[in-house]
Amino acid sequence: MEASTAYAVPADSGADAIVRALAEAGTRLMFGVPGGGPNLDVVGAAATAGLRFILAHGETAAVIMAATYADLTGTPGAATSATAHSSAAPSGPATSGSSSG
């Protein structure tokens, strides 16, 4: 019996899985403020995967930059945070039905 090659390769780490999903969705830039622990794992995985990390002055600026990137490119934006619960927070393109206020 021949082995099937059509299977999902498990991620090496949570950071790798996050970055792989972002890259497959078309993300090329990641914005944020580097912190410690899991945050640095995500930033390192992004560098290894070829995603460019853009340093922001603060978390709010990083999220605004990621949302703008998403709006302009139509691909998910990503922002990292240096807080205790660091993560990559994807931001999709704005929908035409959204309202602000």
N, C-alpha and C. Protein backbone atom coordinates (compact mmCIF):
# COMPACT_ATOMS: atom_id res chain seq x y z
N MET A 1 0.84 -1.18 0.00
CA MET A 1 0.00 0.00 0.00
C MET A 1 0.88 1.24 0.00
N GLU A 2 0.54 2.16 -0.85
CA GLU A 2 1.32 3.37 -1.01
C GLU A 2 0.89 4.42 0.01
N ALA A 3 1.87 5.10 0.62
CA ALA A 3 1.57 6.13 1.61
C ALA A 3 1.06 7.38 0.91
N SER A 4 0.06 7.98 1.51
CA SER A 4 -0.51 9.20 0.95
C SER A 4 0.34 10.41 1.36
N THR A 5 0.56 11.31 0.42
CA THR A 5 1.31 12.53 0.73
C THR A 5 0.38 13.70 0.97
N ALA A 6 -0.92 13.50 0.89
CA ALA A 6 -1.89 14.57 1.08
C ALA A 6 -2.34 14.62 2.54
N TYR A 7 -1.49 15.11 3.40
CA TYR A 7 -1.83 15.27 4.80
C TYR A 7 -1.22 16.56 5.32
N ALA A 8 -1.78 17.05 6.40
CA ALA A 8 -1.28 18.30 6.99
C ALA A 8 -0.08 17.98 7.88
N VAL A 9 1.00 18.67 7.66
CA VAL A 9 2.18 18.51 8.49
C VAL A 9 1.95 19.25 9.80
N PRO A 10 2.11 18.57 10.93
CA PRO A 10 1.88 19.26 12.20
C PRO A 10 2.90 20.37 12.42
N ALA A 11 2.46 21.43 13.07
CA ALA A 11 3.34 22.57 13.34
C ALA A 11 4.37 22.19 14.39
N ASP A 12 5.55 22.77 14.28
CA ASP A 12 6.59 22.54 15.27
C ASP A 12 6.25 23.20 16.60
N SER A 13 5.54 24.30 16.56
CA SER A 13 5.16 25.02 17.77
C SER A 13 3.91 25.84 17.47
N GLY A 14 3.33 26.39 18.51
CA GLY A 14 2.17 27.27 18.32
C GLY A 14 2.53 28.49 17.49
N ALA A 15 3.73 29.04 17.74
CA ALA A 15 4.18 30.21 16.98
C ALA A 15 4.29 29.87 15.50
N ASP A 16 4.85 28.69 15.19
CA ASP A 16 4.97 28.27 13.79
C ASP A 16 3.60 28.12 13.14
N ALA A 17 2.64 27.57 13.89
CA ALA A 17 1.29 27.38 13.35
C ALA A 17 0.63 28.72 13.06
N ILE A 18 0.80 29.68 13.96
CA ILE A 18 0.22 31.01 13.76
C ILE A 18 0.81 31.67 12.52
N VAL A 19 2.12 31.65 12.43
CA VAL A 19 2.80 32.31 11.31
C VAL A 19 2.50 31.60 10.00
N ARG A 20 2.45 30.27 10.02
CA ARG A 20 2.14 29.52 8.80
C ARG A 20 0.74 29.90 8.29
N ALA A 21 -0.23 29.99 9.20
CA ALA A 21 -1.59 30.36 8.80
C ALA A 21 -1.63 31.77 8.22
N LEU A 22 -0.91 32.69 8.85
CA LEU A 22 -0.87 34.07 8.33
C LEU A 22 -0.22 34.11 6.95
N ALA A 23 0.90 33.41 6.79
CA ALA A 23 1.61 33.41 5.51
C ALA A 23 0.75 32.78 4.41
N GLU A 24 0.07 31.69 4.74
CA GLU A 24 -0.79 31.03 3.74
C GLU A 24 -1.97 31.92 3.34
N ALA A 25 -2.38 32.83 4.24
CA ALA A 25 -3.47 33.75 3.94
C ALA A 25 -2.98 34.99 3.18
N GLY A 26 -1.66 35.10 2.98
CA GLY A 26 -1.13 36.20 2.20
C GLY A 26 -0.46 37.31 3.00
N THR A 27 -0.42 37.17 4.31
CA THR A 27 0.23 38.19 5.14
C THR A 27 1.72 38.21 4.86
N ARG A 28 2.29 39.38 4.69
CA ARG A 28 3.73 39.52 4.46
C ARG A 28 4.40 40.39 5.51
N LEU A 29 3.60 41.14 6.28
CA LEU A 29 4.12 42.02 7.32
C LEU A 29 3.45 41.71 8.65
N MET A 30 4.21 41.87 9.73
CA MET A 30 3.67 41.72 11.08
C MET A 30 4.11 42.95 11.86
N PHE A 31 3.19 43.54 12.61
CA PHE A 31 3.46 44.77 13.33
C PHE A 31 3.42 44.49 14.83
N GLY A 32 4.20 45.23 15.61
CA GLY A 32 4.09 45.03 17.04
C GLY A 32 5.21 45.60 17.86
N VAL A 33 5.14 45.22 19.16
CA VAL A 33 6.12 45.59 20.15
C VAL A 33 6.64 44.28 20.73
N PRO A 34 7.91 43.97 20.49
CA PRO A 34 8.41 42.71 21.00
C PRO A 34 8.45 42.71 22.52
N GLY A 35 8.11 41.59 23.08
CA GLY A 35 8.14 41.44 24.53
C GLY A 35 8.98 40.22 24.86
N GLY A 36 8.48 39.37 25.69
CA GLY A 36 9.22 38.16 26.04
C GLY A 36 8.37 36.93 25.82
N GLY A 37 8.99 35.78 25.98
CA GLY A 37 8.28 34.51 25.91
C GLY A 37 7.61 34.24 24.59
N PRO A 38 6.31 33.95 24.61
CA PRO A 38 5.59 33.56 23.39
C PRO A 38 5.63 34.62 22.31
N ASN A 39 5.67 35.88 22.71
CA ASN A 39 5.73 36.97 21.74
C ASN A 39 6.99 36.86 20.89
N LEU A 40 8.12 36.63 21.53
CA LEU A 40 9.37 36.51 20.77
C LEU A 40 9.38 35.25 19.92
N ASP A 41 8.69 34.21 20.36
CA ASP A 41 8.58 33.00 19.54
C ASP A 41 7.86 33.31 18.23
N VAL A 42 6.79 34.09 18.31
CA VAL A 42 6.03 34.46 17.11
C VAL A 42 6.87 35.35 16.20
N VAL A 43 7.56 36.32 16.77
CA VAL A 43 8.42 37.21 15.97
C VAL A 43 9.52 36.41 15.29
N GLY A 44 10.13 35.46 16.02
CA GLY A 44 11.18 34.61 15.45
C GLY A 44 10.65 33.72 14.35
N ALA A 45 9.47 33.13 14.58
CA ALA A 45 8.87 32.27 13.55
C ALA A 45 8.52 33.08 12.31
N ALA A 46 8.09 34.33 12.50
CA ALA A 46 7.78 35.19 11.36
C ALA A 46 9.03 35.46 10.54
N ALA A 47 10.13 35.74 11.22
CA ALA A 47 11.39 36.00 10.51
C ALA A 47 11.83 34.77 9.72
N THR A 48 11.71 33.61 10.33
CA THR A 48 12.10 32.36 9.67
C THR A 48 11.22 32.10 8.44
N ALA A 49 9.95 32.46 8.53
CA ALA A 49 9.01 32.24 7.43
C ALA A 49 9.07 33.34 6.37
N GLY A 50 9.87 34.38 6.61
CA GLY A 50 10.00 35.45 5.63
C GLY A 50 9.02 36.59 5.81
N LEU A 51 8.26 36.61 6.91
CA LEU A 51 7.38 37.75 7.18
C LEU A 51 8.23 38.85 7.81
N ARG A 52 8.05 40.05 7.36
CA ARG A 52 8.81 41.19 7.87
C ARG A 52 8.14 41.73 9.12
N PHE A 53 8.91 41.97 10.18
CA PHE A 53 8.39 42.53 11.42
C PHE A 53 8.62 44.04 11.42
N ILE A 54 7.55 44.80 11.65
CA ILE A 54 7.63 46.26 11.70
C ILE A 54 7.41 46.68 13.15
N LEU A 55 8.42 47.31 13.73
CA LEU A 55 8.35 47.77 15.12
C LEU A 55 7.40 48.96 15.23
N ALA A 56 6.48 48.88 16.18
CA ALA A 56 5.54 49.97 16.42
C ALA A 56 5.86 50.62 17.76
N HIS A 57 5.40 51.84 17.95
CA HIS A 57 5.65 52.58 19.19
C HIS A 57 4.87 51.97 20.35
N GLY A 58 3.74 51.38 20.07
CA GLY A 58 2.91 50.78 21.11
C GLY A 58 1.93 49.80 20.49
N GLU A 59 1.22 49.06 21.36
CA GLU A 59 0.27 48.06 20.87
C GLU A 59 -0.86 48.68 20.05
N THR A 60 -1.35 49.85 20.49
CA THR A 60 -2.44 50.50 19.75
C THR A 60 -1.99 50.85 18.34
N ALA A 61 -0.79 51.40 18.22
CA ALA A 61 -0.26 51.74 16.90
C ALA A 61 -0.10 50.49 16.05
N ALA A 62 0.36 49.39 16.65
CA ALA A 62 0.55 48.14 15.91
C ALA A 62 -0.77 47.63 15.34
N VAL A 63 -1.82 47.70 16.14
CA VAL A 63 -3.12 47.22 15.67
C VAL A 63 -3.67 48.12 14.57
N ILE A 64 -3.49 49.43 14.70
CA ILE A 64 -3.93 50.34 13.65
C ILE A 64 -3.16 50.07 12.36
N MET A 65 -1.85 49.85 12.48
CA MET A 65 -1.04 49.55 11.30
C MET A 65 -1.48 48.24 10.65
N ALA A 66 -1.74 47.21 11.46
CA ALA A 66 -2.19 45.92 10.92
C ALA A 66 -3.54 46.04 10.24
N ALA A 67 -4.46 46.80 10.84
CA ALA A 67 -5.78 46.98 10.24
C ALA A 67 -5.69 47.75 8.93
N THR A 68 -4.83 48.76 8.89
CA THR A 68 -4.64 49.53 7.66
C THR A 68 -4.02 48.67 6.57
N TYR A 69 -3.02 47.87 6.95
CA TYR A 69 -2.40 46.93 6.02
C TYR A 69 -3.45 45.99 5.43
N ALA A 70 -4.33 45.49 6.30
CA ALA A 70 -5.39 44.58 5.84
C ALA A 70 -6.33 45.29 4.87
N ASP A 71 -6.72 46.51 5.20
CA ASP A 71 -7.62 47.26 4.32
C ASP A 71 -6.98 47.54 2.96
N LEU A 72 -5.69 47.87 2.95
CA LEU A 72 -5.02 48.23 1.71
C LEU A 72 -4.66 47.03 0.84
N THR A 73 -4.37 45.89 1.46
CA THR A 73 -3.91 44.73 0.70
C THR A 73 -4.98 43.66 0.50
N GLY A 74 -6.02 43.68 1.34
CA GLY A 74 -7.04 42.64 1.26
C GLY A 74 -6.59 41.33 1.87
N THR A 75 -5.46 41.34 2.55
CA THR A 75 -4.95 40.15 3.24
C THR A 75 -4.95 40.43 4.74
N PRO A 76 -4.92 39.38 5.56
CA PRO A 76 -4.94 39.60 7.01
C PRO A 76 -3.71 40.38 7.48
N GLY A 77 -3.94 41.31 8.39
CA GLY A 77 -2.87 42.00 9.06
C GLY A 77 -2.60 41.27 10.37
N ALA A 78 -1.41 41.43 10.94
CA ALA A 78 -1.10 40.77 12.20
C ALA A 78 -0.37 41.73 13.11
N ALA A 79 -0.75 41.71 14.39
CA ALA A 79 -0.09 42.55 15.38
C ALA A 79 0.25 41.71 16.59
N THR A 80 1.43 41.94 17.16
CA THR A 80 1.82 41.27 18.39
C THR A 80 1.79 42.28 19.52
N SER A 81 1.63 41.76 20.71
CA SER A 81 1.54 42.59 21.90
C SER A 81 2.58 42.12 22.91
N ALA A 82 3.12 43.03 23.70
CA ALA A 82 4.14 42.69 24.68
C ALA A 82 3.54 42.43 26.06
N THR A 83 2.24 42.27 26.14
CA THR A 83 1.60 42.01 27.43
C THR A 83 1.80 40.56 27.84
N ALA A 84 1.37 40.23 29.03
CA ALA A 84 1.55 38.88 29.56
C ALA A 84 0.90 37.81 28.69
N HIS A 85 -0.17 38.14 28.00
CA HIS A 85 -0.86 37.19 27.13
C HIS A 85 -0.59 37.53 25.68
N SER A 86 0.67 37.45 25.28
CA SER A 86 1.09 37.82 23.93
C SER A 86 0.51 36.88 22.90
N SER A 87 0.19 37.43 21.75
CA SER A 87 -0.31 36.61 20.65
C SER A 87 -0.24 37.42 19.36
N ALA A 88 -0.44 36.74 18.28
CA ALA A 88 -0.59 37.41 17.00
C ALA A 88 -2.08 37.55 16.77
N ALA A 89 -2.55 38.74 16.61
CA ALA A 89 -3.98 38.99 16.45
C ALA A 89 -4.27 39.36 15.02
N PRO A 90 -4.81 38.42 14.23
CA PRO A 90 -5.11 38.73 12.84
C PRO A 90 -6.23 39.76 12.72
N SER A 91 -6.14 40.58 11.72
CA SER A 91 -7.14 41.59 11.45
C SER A 91 -7.48 41.51 9.98
N GLY A 92 -8.72 41.19 9.65
CA GLY A 92 -9.12 41.05 8.26
C GLY A 92 -9.53 42.36 7.65
N PRO A 93 -9.74 42.38 6.35
CA PRO A 93 -10.18 43.59 5.67
C PRO A 93 -11.52 44.06 6.20
N ALA A 94 -11.71 45.35 6.25
CA ALA A 94 -12.98 45.90 6.71
C ALA A 94 -14.09 45.51 5.75
N THR A 95 -15.27 45.27 6.29
CA THR A 95 -16.40 44.94 5.44
C THR A 95 -17.13 46.22 5.04
N SER A 96 -17.79 46.17 3.92
CA SER A 96 -18.49 47.37 3.44
C SER A 96 -19.67 47.72 4.32
N GLY A 97 -20.18 46.77 5.08
CA GLY A 97 -21.34 47.02 5.92
C GLY A 97 -20.98 47.50 7.32
N SER A 98 -19.69 47.68 7.60
CA SER A 98 -19.31 48.09 8.95
C SER A 98 -19.58 49.58 9.14
N SER A 99 -19.84 49.93 10.38
CA SER A 99 -20.05 51.33 10.69
C SER A 99 -19.21 51.70 11.90
N SER A 100 -18.87 52.95 12.01
CA SER A 100 -18.08 53.39 13.16
C SER A 100 -18.92 54.39 13.94
N GLY A 101 -18.56 54.52 15.20
CA GLY A 101 -19.32 55.52 15.91
C GLY A 101 -19.29 55.31 17.30
